[in-house]
Structure formats: C-alpha cells, structure tokens
Protein backbone atom coordinates (compact mmCIF):
# COMPACT_ATOMS: atom_id res chain seq x y z
CA UNK A 1 126.29 119.40 136.34
CA UNK A 2 127.93 122.46 134.84
CA UNK A 3 129.99 125.13 136.56
CA UNK A 4 127.11 127.62 137.03
CA UNK A 5 124.41 127.08 139.72
CA UNK A 6 126.60 124.99 142.23
CA UNK A 7 126.51 127.12 145.15
CA UNK A 8 126.67 125.64 148.59
CA UNK A 9 125.54 126.84 151.94
CA UNK A 10 127.27 126.42 155.33
CA UNK A 11 125.48 123.39 156.12
CA UNK A 12 126.78 121.51 153.14
CA UNK A 13 130.49 122.21 154.16
CA UNK A 14 130.52 118.95 156.07
CA UNK A 15 129.98 116.84 152.91
CA UNK A 16 133.65 116.12 153.08
CA UNK A 17 135.83 115.98 156.23
CA UNK A 18 137.51 119.21 157.00
CA UNK A 19 135.73 121.52 154.57
CA UNK A 20 133.73 122.98 157.22
CA UNK A 21 136.93 124.44 158.55
CA UNK A 22 138.14 125.68 155.17
CA UNK A 23 137.82 129.35 155.50
CA UNK A 24 136.18 131.26 152.54
CA UNK A 25 134.50 128.21 151.05
CA UNK A 26 132.12 129.55 148.31
CA UNK A 27 130.95 126.45 146.65
CA UNK A 28 131.81 122.97 145.45
CA UNK A 29 131.70 122.22 141.69
CA UNK A 30 131.64 119.09 139.76
CA UNK A 31 131.55 118.77 135.89
CA UNK A 32 131.73 116.21 133.06
CA UNK A 33 134.82 117.92 131.78
CA UNK A 34 136.61 116.54 135.02
CA UNK A 35 135.05 113.18 135.66
CA UNK A 36 135.53 112.20 139.35
CA UNK A 37 136.95 115.47 140.41
CA UNK A 38 135.42 118.19 142.74
CA UNK A 39 136.64 121.73 142.85
CA UNK A 40 136.21 123.55 146.15
CA UNK A 41 136.37 127.30 145.29
CA UNK A 42 137.52 129.54 148.25
CA UNK A 43 137.91 133.24 148.70
CA UNK A 44 141.53 133.24 150.10
CA UNK A 45 142.56 135.61 152.84
CA UNK A 46 146.12 135.59 151.83
CA UNK A 47 148.18 134.58 148.69
CA UNK A 48 151.84 134.94 149.59
CA UNK A 49 153.29 132.23 151.84
CA UNK A 50 156.61 132.77 153.56
CA UNK A 51 159.08 129.97 153.42
CA UNK A 52 160.18 128.91 156.83
CA UNK A 53 163.30 130.77 158.10
CA UNK A 54 165.37 127.66 158.45
CA UNK A 55 164.86 126.51 154.97
CA UNK A 56 167.63 126.19 152.50
CA UNK A 57 165.28 127.20 149.62
CA UNK A 58 166.48 129.76 147.21
CA UNK A 59 163.60 131.79 147.58
CA UNK A 60 161.59 133.35 150.59
CA UNK A 61 157.99 133.41 149.18
CA UNK A 62 155.56 131.26 147.35
CA UNK A 63 152.19 131.47 145.82
CA UNK A 64 149.88 128.38 145.38
CA UNK A 65 146.72 129.02 143.59
CA UNK A 66 145.68 125.44 143.89
CA UNK A 67 145.72 122.62 146.73
CA UNK A 68 145.51 119.21 145.58
CA UNK A 69 146.48 118.19 141.93
CA UNK A 70 144.89 116.27 139.02
CA UNK A 71 148.34 115.25 137.77
CA UNK A 72 147.90 112.25 140.14
CA UNK A 73 151.68 111.63 140.37
CA UNK A 74 151.97 108.63 142.57
CA UNK A 75 155.36 110.07 144.12
CA UNK A 76 154.09 113.67 144.74
CA UNK A 77 155.86 115.05 147.96
CA UNK A 78 152.77 117.37 148.43
CA UNK A 79 150.32 114.59 149.13
CA UNK A 80 150.63 114.86 152.94
CA UNK A 81 149.39 118.67 152.82
CA UNK A 82 145.91 117.48 152.08
CA UNK A 83 145.58 115.80 155.45
CA UNK A 84 145.50 119.27 156.91
CA UNK A 85 141.94 119.32 155.57
CA UNK A 86 141.12 115.81 157.06
CA UNK A 87 141.39 114.64 153.35
CA UNK A 88 143.45 111.59 152.48
CA UNK A 89 146.83 111.97 150.70
CA UNK A 90 145.85 109.47 147.96
CA UNK A 91 142.56 109.65 146.02
CA UNK A 92 141.41 112.88 147.61
CA UNK A 93 144.71 114.64 146.75
CA UNK A 94 144.11 113.87 143.02
CA UNK A 95 140.31 114.58 143.04
CA UNK A 96 139.52 117.06 145.77
CA UNK A 97 141.01 120.36 144.41
CA UNK A 98 140.94 123.61 146.50
CA UNK A 99 140.94 126.72 144.22
CA UNK A 100 141.71 130.12 145.48
CA UNK A 101 139.53 132.01 142.98
CA UNK A 102 140.59 135.55 144.19
CA UNK A 103 144.15 134.76 144.47
CA UNK A 104 145.47 137.39 142.12
CA UNK A 105 143.28 140.17 143.74
CA UNK A 106 144.67 139.30 147.13
CA UNK A 107 148.21 138.99 145.89
CA UNK A 108 148.06 142.42 144.19
CA UNK A 109 146.89 143.85 147.58
CA UNK A 110 149.73 142.19 149.50
CA UNK A 111 152.30 143.43 146.93
CA UNK A 112 151.09 146.93 147.10
CA UNK A 113 152.10 147.06 150.95
CA UNK A 114 154.90 149.44 151.66
CA UNK A 115 156.72 146.64 153.54
CA UNK A 116 156.99 144.44 150.33
CA UNK A 117 160.71 144.40 149.24
CA UNK A 118 160.28 142.73 145.92
CA UNK A 119 161.78 139.37 146.80
CA UNK A 120 161.65 136.47 144.53
CA UNK A 121 158.28 134.64 144.60
CA UNK A 122 158.26 131.08 143.37
CA UNK A 123 155.25 129.49 141.75
CA UNK A 124 154.85 125.53 141.43
CA UNK A 125 156.54 124.75 144.64
CA UNK A 126 153.72 122.70 146.23
CA UNK A 127 151.16 121.89 143.53
CA UNK A 128 151.23 122.58 139.91
CA UNK A 129 149.82 126.05 138.86
CA UNK A 130 149.26 124.69 135.29
CA UNK A 131 147.30 121.54 136.18
CA UNK A 132 144.30 120.92 134.09
CA UNK A 133 141.97 123.18 136.21
CA UNK A 134 143.93 126.28 135.27
CA UNK A 135 142.39 125.92 131.84
CA UNK A 136 139.07 126.59 133.35
CA UNK A 137 140.06 129.12 136.26
CA UNK A 138 142.75 131.08 134.52
CA UNK A 139 144.28 132.15 137.77
CA UNK A 140 147.91 132.43 136.48
CA UNK A 141 147.60 135.44 134.18
CA UNK A 142 146.39 137.55 136.98
CA UNK A 143 149.01 136.30 139.24
CA UNK A 144 151.92 137.06 136.62
CA UNK A 145 150.33 140.48 135.91
CA UNK A 146 150.23 141.46 139.68
CA UNK A 147 153.82 140.38 140.12
CA UNK A 148 154.94 142.37 137.12
CA UNK A 149 153.23 145.44 138.09
CA UNK A 150 154.76 145.26 141.44
CA UNK A 151 158.21 144.86 139.85
CA UNK A 152 158.51 141.52 141.56
CA UNK A 153 160.76 138.74 140.24
CA UNK A 154 159.23 135.32 139.90
CA UNK A 155 159.83 131.75 138.93
CA UNK A 156 157.62 128.97 137.67
CA UNK A 157 158.05 125.19 137.88
CA UNK A 158 155.42 123.16 136.05
CA UNK A 159 154.70 119.94 134.20
CA UNK A 160 151.64 121.51 132.56
CA UNK A 161 151.91 122.24 128.90
CA UNK A 162 149.07 124.80 129.41
CA UNK A 163 151.86 127.35 130.22
CA UNK A 164 152.05 127.78 126.43
CA UNK A 165 148.89 129.70 126.67
CA UNK A 166 150.75 132.37 128.78
CA UNK A 167 153.93 132.37 126.77
CA UNK A 168 153.38 135.89 125.23
CA UNK A 169 152.70 137.23 128.76
CA UNK A 170 155.86 135.69 130.16
CA UNK A 171 158.02 137.07 127.34
CA UNK A 172 156.51 140.57 128.03
CA UNK A 173 157.03 140.11 131.68
CA UNK A 174 160.72 139.15 131.26
CA UNK A 175 161.17 142.55 129.73
CA UNK A 176 160.38 144.15 133.06
CA UNK A 177 161.30 141.65 135.88
CA UNK A 178 163.55 138.62 136.18
CA UNK A 179 161.49 135.74 135.06
CA UNK A 180 162.67 131.98 135.65
CA UNK A 181 160.85 129.00 134.14
CA UNK A 182 161.38 125.53 134.80
CA UNK A 183 159.74 122.33 133.35
CA UNK A 184 159.72 119.08 135.41
CA UNK A 185 160.28 115.88 133.37
CA UNK A 186 160.93 112.83 135.56
CA UNK A 187 160.24 110.23 133.05
CA UNK A 188 161.00 109.70 129.42
CA UNK A 189 159.37 106.30 128.82
CA UNK A 190 155.71 106.86 127.61
CA UNK A 191 154.36 103.54 129.06
CA UNK A 192 155.98 104.12 132.48
CA UNK A 193 154.68 107.76 132.38
CA UNK A 194 151.10 106.57 132.03
CA UNK A 195 151.40 104.35 135.16
CA UNK A 196 153.44 106.96 137.44
CA UNK A 197 152.12 110.24 136.20
CA UNK A 198 148.62 109.48 134.63
CA UNK A 199 147.32 112.98 134.69
CA UNK A 200 150.08 114.95 133.27
CA UNK A 201 151.15 115.71 129.65
CA UNK A 202 153.30 113.26 127.95
CA UNK A 203 157.03 113.42 128.08
CA UNK A 204 157.11 114.40 124.47
CA UNK A 205 154.58 117.33 124.97
CA UNK A 206 156.73 118.56 127.81
CA UNK A 207 159.85 118.43 125.79
CA UNK A 208 157.95 120.41 123.01
CA UNK A 209 157.11 123.01 125.86
CA UNK A 210 160.84 123.35 126.57
CA UNK A 211 161.52 123.94 122.87
CA UNK A 212 158.72 126.50 122.70
CA UNK A 213 160.08 128.36 125.59
CA UNK A 214 163.53 128.33 124.09
CA UNK A 215 162.23 129.51 120.81
CA UNK A 216 160.52 132.29 122.49
CA UNK A 217 163.85 133.52 124.00
CA UNK A 218 163.27 132.29 127.63
CA UNK A 219 165.83 130.06 129.05
CA UNK A 220 164.25 126.93 130.40
CA UNK A 221 165.85 124.48 132.94
CA UNK A 222 164.54 121.08 133.37
CA UNK A 223 163.97 119.33 136.78
CA UNK A 224 164.70 115.60 136.29
CA UNK A 225 162.76 114.81 139.35
CA UNK A 226 162.34 112.67 141.07
CA UNK A 227 164.60 109.87 139.78
CA UNK A 228 162.97 106.65 140.91
CA UNK A 229 165.47 104.01 142.35
CA UNK A 230 165.85 100.91 140.13
CA UNK A 231 162.88 102.29 138.03
CA UNK A 232 164.15 105.35 136.21
CA UNK A 233 167.86 105.54 137.38
CA UNK A 234 169.67 103.32 134.83
CA UNK A 235 172.37 104.86 132.78
CA UNK A 236 170.59 104.25 129.57
CA UNK A 237 167.44 105.79 130.71
CA UNK A 238 169.15 108.98 132.06
CA UNK A 239 171.23 109.34 128.87
CA UNK A 240 168.17 109.16 126.67
CA UNK A 241 166.18 111.73 128.71
CA UNK A 242 169.10 114.11 129.12
CA UNK A 243 169.83 113.75 125.41
CA UNK A 244 166.06 114.63 124.71
CA UNK A 245 166.23 117.60 126.87
CA UNK A 246 169.44 118.93 125.17
CA UNK A 247 167.86 118.41 121.78
CA UNK A 248 164.71 120.37 122.94
CA UNK A 249 166.85 123.39 123.77
CA UNK A 250 167.02 122.96 127.56
CA UNK A 251 169.24 125.47 129.31
CA UNK A 252 170.25 123.26 132.18
CA UNK A 253 169.17 120.28 134.16
CA UNK A 254 168.93 119.44 137.85
CA UNK A 255 168.54 115.87 138.95
CA UNK A 256 166.83 114.77 142.35
CA UNK A 257 166.34 111.33 143.77
CA UNK A 258 162.81 110.44 145.04
CA UNK A 259 162.15 111.51 148.60
CA UNK A 260 159.25 109.85 150.32
CA UNK A 261 157.58 111.99 152.95
CA UNK A 262 154.43 110.98 154.96
CA UNK A 263 151.53 110.83 152.65
CA UNK A 264 153.60 110.20 149.43
CA UNK A 265 155.47 107.25 151.05
CA UNK A 266 152.25 105.34 151.58
CA UNK A 267 150.78 106.07 148.26
CA UNK A 268 154.20 105.31 146.48
CA UNK A 269 154.63 101.99 148.18
CA UNK A 270 151.00 100.83 147.31
CA UNK A 271 152.00 101.66 143.58
CA UNK A 272 155.11 99.57 144.09
CA UNK A 273 152.98 96.63 145.50
CA UNK A 274 150.84 96.76 142.35
CA UNK A 275 153.44 97.42 139.58
CA UNK A 276 156.93 96.63 140.96
CA UNK A 277 156.44 94.14 143.79
CA UNK A 278 159.93 92.90 143.52
CA UNK A 279 161.27 96.27 144.62
CA UNK A 280 159.28 96.65 147.80
CA UNK A 281 161.93 95.03 149.88
CA UNK A 282 164.81 97.01 148.25
CA UNK A 283 162.89 100.37 148.85
CA UNK A 284 162.22 99.56 152.54
CA UNK A 285 165.85 98.89 153.08
CA UNK A 286 166.96 102.02 151.10
CA UNK A 287 164.63 104.47 152.87
CA UNK A 288 164.35 102.77 156.13
CA UNK A 289 162.52 105.18 158.35
CA UNK A 290 163.87 108.31 156.54
CA UNK A 291 162.23 110.37 153.79
CA UNK A 292 165.48 110.60 151.88
CA UNK A 293 167.94 108.24 150.15
CA UNK A 294 171.08 107.53 151.95
CA UNK A 295 174.47 109.25 150.90
CA UNK A 296 175.77 106.21 149.09
CA UNK A 297 172.76 106.33 146.70
CA UNK A 298 173.24 110.01 146.22
CA UNK A 299 176.87 109.60 145.42
CA UNK A 300 176.14 106.70 143.02
CA UNK A 301 173.42 108.75 141.09
CA UNK A 302 175.79 111.87 141.00
CA UNK A 303 178.57 109.77 139.45
CA UNK A 304 176.16 108.32 136.95
CA UNK A 305 174.56 111.54 136.00
CA UNK A 306 177.22 114.30 136.06
CA UNK A 307 179.28 112.98 133.22
CA UNK A 308 176.07 112.82 131.06
CA UNK A 309 175.02 116.41 132.00
CA UNK A 310 178.66 117.48 131.07
CA UNK A 311 178.46 115.74 127.80
CA UNK A 312 175.36 117.58 126.67
CA UNK A 313 176.27 120.94 128.25
CA UNK A 314 173.38 120.87 130.65
CA UNK A 315 175.46 121.39 134.03
CA UNK A 316 174.44 125.02 134.24
CA UNK A 317 171.82 126.28 136.61
CA UNK A 318 168.42 127.28 135.25
CA UNK A 319 168.82 130.54 133.25
CA UNK A 320 166.92 133.71 134.14
CA UNK A 321 166.89 136.64 132.01
CA UNK A 322 168.33 139.79 133.71
CA UNK A 323 170.13 138.03 136.50
CA UNK A 324 173.81 137.00 137.02
CA UNK A 325 174.78 133.41 137.39
CA UNK A 326 174.50 133.48 141.14
CA UNK A 327 171.22 135.04 141.12
CA UNK A 328 169.93 132.55 138.39
CA UNK A 329 170.85 129.51 140.62
CA UNK A 330 168.93 131.16 143.46
CA UNK A 331 165.73 131.82 141.51
CA UNK A 332 165.14 128.11 140.64
CA UNK A 333 161.97 126.84 141.87
CA UNK A 334 162.74 123.56 143.45
CA UNK A 335 159.89 121.18 144.49
CA UNK A 336 160.87 120.10 148.00
CA UNK A 337 160.32 122.57 150.65
CA UNK A 338 161.79 121.72 154.06
CA UNK A 339 164.19 120.03 154.34
CA UNK A 340 165.44 119.07 150.70
CA UNK A 341 167.99 116.68 149.27
CA UNK A 342 171.32 117.61 147.74
CA UNK A 343 171.05 119.27 144.30
CA UNK A 344 173.37 118.01 141.62
C-alpha cells in the first residue's frame, strides 16, 4: 500500500487498542518503505508541552512531532509513554508511530500568543524528531521556521543523520535566534550498535554528522548516553568513543549512565536475557527496584570518564551560538525528563 488512499473512518479506530481515544486521528498508513511499521496521522490540538514545574530540566517547553520511534533502541526511556495509548512499550513503540501532521501550524499559532515569552524550546527530549519518518513527513523545517519567526531559541537532540538535510536552515536560524544542537552517540562498536540500536544510523555516520555541524559553524555537543553498565562502560570503550568525538569536532560531551523506567526496564532486561544473560543478576542487584544506578556506580563512572574528557578538551557544556556559558549549559536538550540522574 502507498501513502495515498489510506483514509480511515471512526469505526476503524479500534483496530489497535487506545487509538479510538487518540484525538484527531486522520488515517493509519503502511508502506513497503517501512516494512512492519504503521503511521497514525493525527491533527494535533497543541504542539508546545510544558515541562513539569518541579523538574530540574534546563528548559521549560518541548515539542515532539512524533510518538514512538523506529530507532528501536532497547534502552529507550520513552517506551513507557506508549502505554498511555494502551499500546505496549516494546514492539508497538518501535512500529506504531503517531505523527502530528499539523504540528508546525499549531506551533506557529501558539507562539503568536501575546503571552508567549520566547522561552527555550527543546526538540528531541522524548522521541527523536529526525527518525526515519521525518524523511517522508518533513515536519522539522516547518517547526524550525515557526520558532525562528517567533524569535524563540531552541535546541535539538538527535541520533538521526537526516538532520543534515536541514543544516542550511539551522545555520540561517542561528543568525536570528540561539540554536543548540546535540548528537547522541551511546555506542562506538558497530556490532554492538546493531544489537542495541538497530534502527539508528551507525556510529560512524553520527560522527560524520558531528563533523558536518562543526564545519558549518554550529557548535555540536555529544550525549554519550546511556552508558550501559558492564557493556559499554569500560575505560577502553569510553576512551575510543570520546577520542572519536574529539576528532569529529565535538564541542563538548555529557555522559549519562543507563536509567531504566517502567517500559524500558522490561524491554532492556529481555534484551539482556537474549544477548548478555550473564549480566542479568548483576543488573538486578545494581538497579534493585529503582530506575537509576546507585551513587557508588555514578562515582565510579565519573572517576573513569572525567580524566578522559579533560584530556580531549570535551568537558565544556554544549555550545550555543549567541549565548554565554551559563545559558549554553541551560540550553542543552537532555533526554530524561523527570527526574533525571546527575550530569557529568
């Protein structure tokens, strides 16, 4: 089936649990280009999401054009959010993608309100705005243009090399508003990458994206996140990855250990059972009933990684054109929402 001619009526909304309650559902689309994936196109009523007041996130607003993500990262902290639609946090999160087709128009209307105070807006804090579907739907150019026209600073965090398509637009945007760009690279080993992040561009491709951003004059920070205990946290693995980031022109790096919320926890433990069964007991002891690693592990990882970051000159926060250092640090789009682990 192709993209055209796949309209649905209200009786078909029950084809998947929860979709009957999904406001603004227009149609569901399947296509050979995305084998096994269904896109549920909706007319969104809002685009801006306010970050809860108690959060320590360095931004107050987010925009998420997609729900669900074909990156299929086994550790993704956002998996549990799919259960709000009565979809599962595993296969459904990877294959049932909600697309807010009118997001840029709605965002433009919200930014035009007299009450809008031009606060920082973060993109890529829940699911990746440059996942493969963006190549078809092209929602990000309209979002970027709406933010620039409203003189609103924004940041983007992505694993998607599709961002290169919008590089000229981002360079132009940075002449008008502060623009922060971060690339997430959790794994340097290509074979491990294929097991853990099967739908994402390769580590080499993402390093090339960092280089392209640097060459275009946009300071690009890298999120080394999540670091997987006893899988990607060896000194040698961190040294190689951080060195590669420095060679690619990264402006700084932030390291975060894995956290396992409901949804992600179950899916990641299933992956461990298949691929690292010897680590299951150690993970259960490490995380216990908590989503976050204990302080002793954070301290060990910090002691391991900080000297490497210093050696390569990557301790600084993400760079952002037009902001001072404090503002640059506050403009980084960090993946976890509420609460989050210590940044270092």
